[in-house]
Protein backbone atom coordinates (compact mmCIF):
# COMPACT_ATOMS: atom_id res chain seq x y z
CA UNK A 1 0.00 0.00 0.00
CA UNK A 2 2.89 2.38 0.71
CA UNK A 3 4.30 1.79 -2.76
CA UNK A 4 0.94 2.68 -4.32
CA UNK A 5 0.92 5.99 -2.45
CA UNK A 6 4.52 6.79 -3.40
CA UNK A 7 3.92 5.93 -7.05
CA UNK A 8 0.64 7.86 -7.25
CA UNK A 9 2.14 10.90 -5.54
CA UNK A 10 5.16 10.99 -7.81
CA UNK A 11 2.99 10.58 -10.89
CA UNK A 12 0.60 13.35 -9.80
CA UNK A 13 3.42 15.78 -9.13
CA UNK A 14 5.07 14.94 -12.44
CA UNK A 15 1.85 15.64 -14.38
CA UNK A 16 1.49 19.08 -12.80
CA UNK A 17 5.14 19.91 -13.49
CA UNK A 18 4.87 18.64 -17.08
CA UNK A 19 1.80 20.79 -17.75
CA UNK A 20 3.58 23.88 -16.47
CA UNK A 21 6.74 23.17 -18.46
CA UNK A 22 4.86 22.47 -21.70
CA UNK A 23 2.73 25.60 -21.17
CA UNK A 24 5.84 27.74 -20.63
CA UNK A 25 7.50 26.32 -23.75
CA UNK A 26 4.30 26.86 -25.76
CA UNK A 27 4.10 30.52 -24.68
CA UNK A 28 7.76 31.09 -25.46
CA UNK A 29 7.61 29.49 -28.91
CA UNK A 30 4.20 30.73 -30.07
CA UNK A 31 3.91 33.96 -28.11
CA UNK A 32 0.33 33.01 -27.20
CA UNK A 33 -1.35 31.14 -24.38
CA UNK A 34 -2.12 27.49 -25.08
CA UNK A 35 -5.66 26.39 -25.94
CA UNK A 36 -7.95 26.40 -22.92
CA UNK A 37 -9.35 22.98 -23.73
CA UNK A 38 -10.44 20.67 -26.52
CA UNK A 39 -13.46 22.85 -27.35
CA UNK A 40 -11.55 26.15 -27.55
CA UNK A 41 -12.86 27.64 -30.80
CA UNK A 42 -10.40 30.57 -30.66
CA UNK A 43 -7.52 28.41 -31.92
CA UNK A 44 -7.04 26.64 -35.22
CA UNK A 45 -7.24 22.89 -35.64
CA UNK A 46 -3.49 22.80 -36.20
CA UNK A 47 -2.74 24.65 -32.97
CA UNK A 48 -5.20 22.48 -31.03
CA UNK A 49 -3.69 19.26 -32.38
CA UNK A 50 -0.14 20.48 -31.81
CA UNK A 51 -1.01 21.37 -28.21
CA UNK A 52 -2.66 17.99 -27.60
CA UNK A 53 0.35 16.10 -28.97
CA UNK A 54 2.87 18.26 -27.07
CA UNK A 55 0.98 17.91 -23.80
CA UNK A 56 0.48 14.17 -24.28
CA UNK A 57 4.17 13.58 -24.94
CA UNK A 58 5.18 15.84 -22.06
CA UNK A 59 2.93 14.04 -19.58
CA UNK A 60 3.99 10.59 -20.80
CA UNK A 61 7.68 11.44 -20.46
CA UNK A 62 7.19 13.04 -17.03
CA UNK A 63 5.23 10.01 -15.83
CA UNK A 64 7.94 7.65 -17.07
CA UNK A 65 10.64 9.65 -15.28
CA UNK A 66 8.60 9.83 -12.06
CA UNK A 67 7.91 6.10 -11.98
CA UNK A 68 11.52 5.14 -12.75
CA UNK A 69 12.92 7.52 -10.14
CA UNK A 70 10.37 6.34 -7.57
CA UNK A 71 11.42 2.74 -8.21
CA UNK A 72 15.09 3.68 -7.80
CA UNK A 73 14.41 5.47 -4.51
CA UNK A 74 12.25 2.56 -3.28
CA UNK A 75 15.02 0.06 -4.05
CA UNK A 76 17.68 2.24 -2.41
CA UNK A 77 15.56 2.71 0.69
CA UNK A 78 14.13 -0.78 1.18
CA UNK A 79 16.75 -2.87 -0.65
CA UNK A 80 13.86 -4.63 -2.40
CA UNK A 81 12.18 -4.27 -5.76
CA UNK A 82 8.94 -2.31 -5.66
CA UNK A 83 5.75 -4.36 -5.84
CA UNK A 84 4.55 -4.99 -9.37
CA UNK A 85 1.40 -3.17 -10.43
CA UNK A 86 -1.59 -5.41 -10.96
C-alpha atoms as a PDB file:
ATOM      1  CA  UNK A   1       0.000   0.000   0.000  1.00  0.00           C
ATOM      2  CA  UNK A   2       2.889   2.379   0.711  1.00  0.00           C
ATOM      3  CA  UNK A   3       4.305   1.789  -2.758  1.00  0.00           C
ATOM      4  CA  UNK A   4       0.944   2.684  -4.319  1.00  0.00           C
ATOM      5  CA  UNK A   5       0.916   5.989  -2.446  1.00  0.00           C
ATOM      6  CA  UNK A   6       4.515   6.791  -3.396  1.00  0.00           C
ATOM      7  CA  UNK A   7       3.923   5.929  -7.046  1.00  0.00           C
ATOM      8  CA  UNK A   8       0.644   7.859  -7.252  1.00  0.00           C
ATOM      9  CA  UNK A   9       2.141  10.898  -5.541  1.00  0.00           C
ATOM     10  CA  UNK A  10       5.159  10.991  -7.813  1.00  0.00           C
ATOM     11  CA  UNK A  11       2.989  10.582 -10.886  1.00  0.00           C
ATOM     12  CA  UNK A  12       0.604  13.350  -9.797  1.00  0.00           C
ATOM     13  CA  UNK A  13       3.415  15.780  -9.132  1.00  0.00           C
ATOM     14  CA  UNK A  14       5.074  14.935 -12.444  1.00  0.00           C
ATOM     15  CA  UNK A  15       1.854  15.638 -14.377  1.00  0.00           C
ATOM     16  CA  UNK A  16       1.493  19.082 -12.796  1.00  0.00           C
ATOM     17  CA  UNK A  17       5.142  19.912 -13.492  1.00  0.00           C
ATOM     18  CA  UNK A  18       4.870  18.644 -17.080  1.00  0.00           C
ATOM     19  CA  UNK A  19       1.803  20.786 -17.748  1.00  0.00           C
ATOM     20  CA  UNK A  20       3.579  23.882 -16.465  1.00  0.00           C
ATOM     21  CA  UNK A  21       6.745  23.173 -18.456  1.00  0.00           C
ATOM     22  CA  UNK A  22       4.862  22.470 -21.698  1.00  0.00           C
ATOM     23  CA  UNK A  23       2.732  25.596 -21.168  1.00  0.00           C
ATOM     24  CA  UNK A  24       5.845  27.741 -20.626  1.00  0.00           C
ATOM     25  CA  UNK A  25       7.500  26.316 -23.750  1.00  0.00           C
ATOM     26  CA  UNK A  26       4.302  26.864 -25.759  1.00  0.00           C
ATOM     27  CA  UNK A  27       4.100  30.515 -24.684  1.00  0.00           C
ATOM     28  CA  UNK A  28       7.758  31.093 -25.464  1.00  0.00           C
ATOM     29  CA  UNK A  29       7.612  29.490 -28.913  1.00  0.00           C
ATOM     30  CA  UNK A  30       4.204  30.728 -30.068  1.00  0.00           C
ATOM     31  CA  UNK A  31       3.911  33.962 -28.108  1.00  0.00           C
ATOM     32  CA  UNK A  32       0.332  33.014 -27.198  1.00  0.00           C
ATOM     33  CA  UNK A  33      -1.351  31.144 -24.378  1.00  0.00           C
ATOM     34  CA  UNK A  34      -2.117  27.486 -25.080  1.00  0.00           C
ATOM     35  CA  UNK A  35      -5.659  26.390 -25.941  1.00  0.00           C
ATOM     36  CA  UNK A  36      -7.947  26.398 -22.923  1.00  0.00           C
ATOM     37  CA  UNK A  37      -9.346  22.985 -23.730  1.00  0.00           C
ATOM     38  CA  UNK A  38     -10.444  20.671 -26.524  1.00  0.00           C
ATOM     39  CA  UNK A  39     -13.458  22.846 -27.348  1.00  0.00           C
ATOM     40  CA  UNK A  40     -11.552  26.149 -27.554  1.00  0.00           C
ATOM     41  CA  UNK A  41     -12.860  27.637 -30.805  1.00  0.00           C
ATOM     42  CA  UNK A  42     -10.403  30.569 -30.663  1.00  0.00           C
ATOM     43  CA  UNK A  43      -7.518  28.414 -31.918  1.00  0.00           C
ATOM     44  CA  UNK A  44      -7.037  26.645 -35.218  1.00  0.00           C
ATOM     45  CA  UNK A  45      -7.238  22.889 -35.641  1.00  0.00           C
ATOM     46  CA  UNK A  46      -3.495  22.798 -36.200  1.00  0.00           C
ATOM     47  CA  UNK A  47      -2.741  24.648 -32.973  1.00  0.00           C
ATOM     48  CA  UNK A  48      -5.195  22.484 -31.026  1.00  0.00           C
ATOM     49  CA  UNK A  49      -3.694  19.259 -32.384  1.00  0.00           C
ATOM     50  CA  UNK A  50      -0.142  20.478 -31.806  1.00  0.00           C
ATOM     51  CA  UNK A  51      -1.012  21.373 -28.214  1.00  0.00           C
ATOM     52  CA  UNK A  52      -2.659  17.990 -27.602  1.00  0.00           C
ATOM     53  CA  UNK A  53       0.354  16.102 -28.969  1.00  0.00           C
ATOM     54  CA  UNK A  54       2.875  18.256 -27.072  1.00  0.00           C
ATOM     55  CA  UNK A  55       0.980  17.907 -23.803  1.00  0.00           C
ATOM     56  CA  UNK A  56       0.484  14.169 -24.282  1.00  0.00           C
ATOM     57  CA  UNK A  57       4.173  13.583 -24.945  1.00  0.00           C
ATOM     58  CA  UNK A  58       5.178  15.844 -22.055  1.00  0.00           C
ATOM     59  CA  UNK A  59       2.935  14.045 -19.578  1.00  0.00           C
ATOM     60  CA  UNK A  60       3.988  10.590 -20.799  1.00  0.00           C
ATOM     61  CA  UNK A  61       7.679  11.435 -20.458  1.00  0.00           C
ATOM     62  CA  UNK A  62       7.193  13.035 -17.034  1.00  0.00           C
ATOM     63  CA  UNK A  63       5.229  10.006 -15.830  1.00  0.00           C
ATOM     64  CA  UNK A  64       7.942   7.650 -17.070  1.00  0.00           C
ATOM     65  CA  UNK A  65      10.641   9.655 -15.283  1.00  0.00           C
ATOM     66  CA  UNK A  66       8.602   9.835 -12.064  1.00  0.00           C
ATOM     67  CA  UNK A  67       7.914   6.104 -11.980  1.00  0.00           C
ATOM     68  CA  UNK A  68      11.517   5.137 -12.755  1.00  0.00           C
ATOM     69  CA  UNK A  69      12.923   7.523 -10.144  1.00  0.00           C
ATOM     70  CA  UNK A  70      10.369   6.336  -7.572  1.00  0.00           C
ATOM     71  CA  UNK A  71      11.422   2.740  -8.207  1.00  0.00           C
ATOM     72  CA  UNK A  72      15.089   3.682  -7.798  1.00  0.00           C
ATOM     73  CA  UNK A  73      14.407   5.474  -4.506  1.00  0.00           C
ATOM     74  CA  UNK A  74      12.254   2.561  -3.284  1.00  0.00           C
ATOM     75  CA  UNK A  75      15.025   0.060  -4.045  1.00  0.00           C
ATOM     76  CA  UNK A  76      17.682   2.243  -2.413  1.00  0.00           C
ATOM     77  CA  UNK A  77      15.558   2.708   0.692  1.00  0.00           C
ATOM     78  CA  UNK A  78      14.128  -0.776   1.184  1.00  0.00           C
ATOM     79  CA  UNK A  79      16.755  -2.868  -0.650  1.00  0.00           C
ATOM     80  CA  UNK A  80      13.857  -4.632  -2.400  1.00  0.00           C
ATOM     81  CA  UNK A  81      12.181  -4.272  -5.764  1.00  0.00           C
ATOM     82  CA  UNK A  82       8.937  -2.306  -5.660  1.00  0.00           C
ATOM     83  CA  UNK A  83       5.750  -4.364  -5.841  1.00  0.00           C
ATOM     84  CA  UNK A  84       4.553  -4.993  -9.375  1.00  0.00           C
ATOM     85  CA  UNK A  85       1.403  -3.174 -10.435  1.00  0.00           C
ATOM     86  CA  UNK A  86      -1.591  -5.408 -10.959  1.00  0.00           C
END
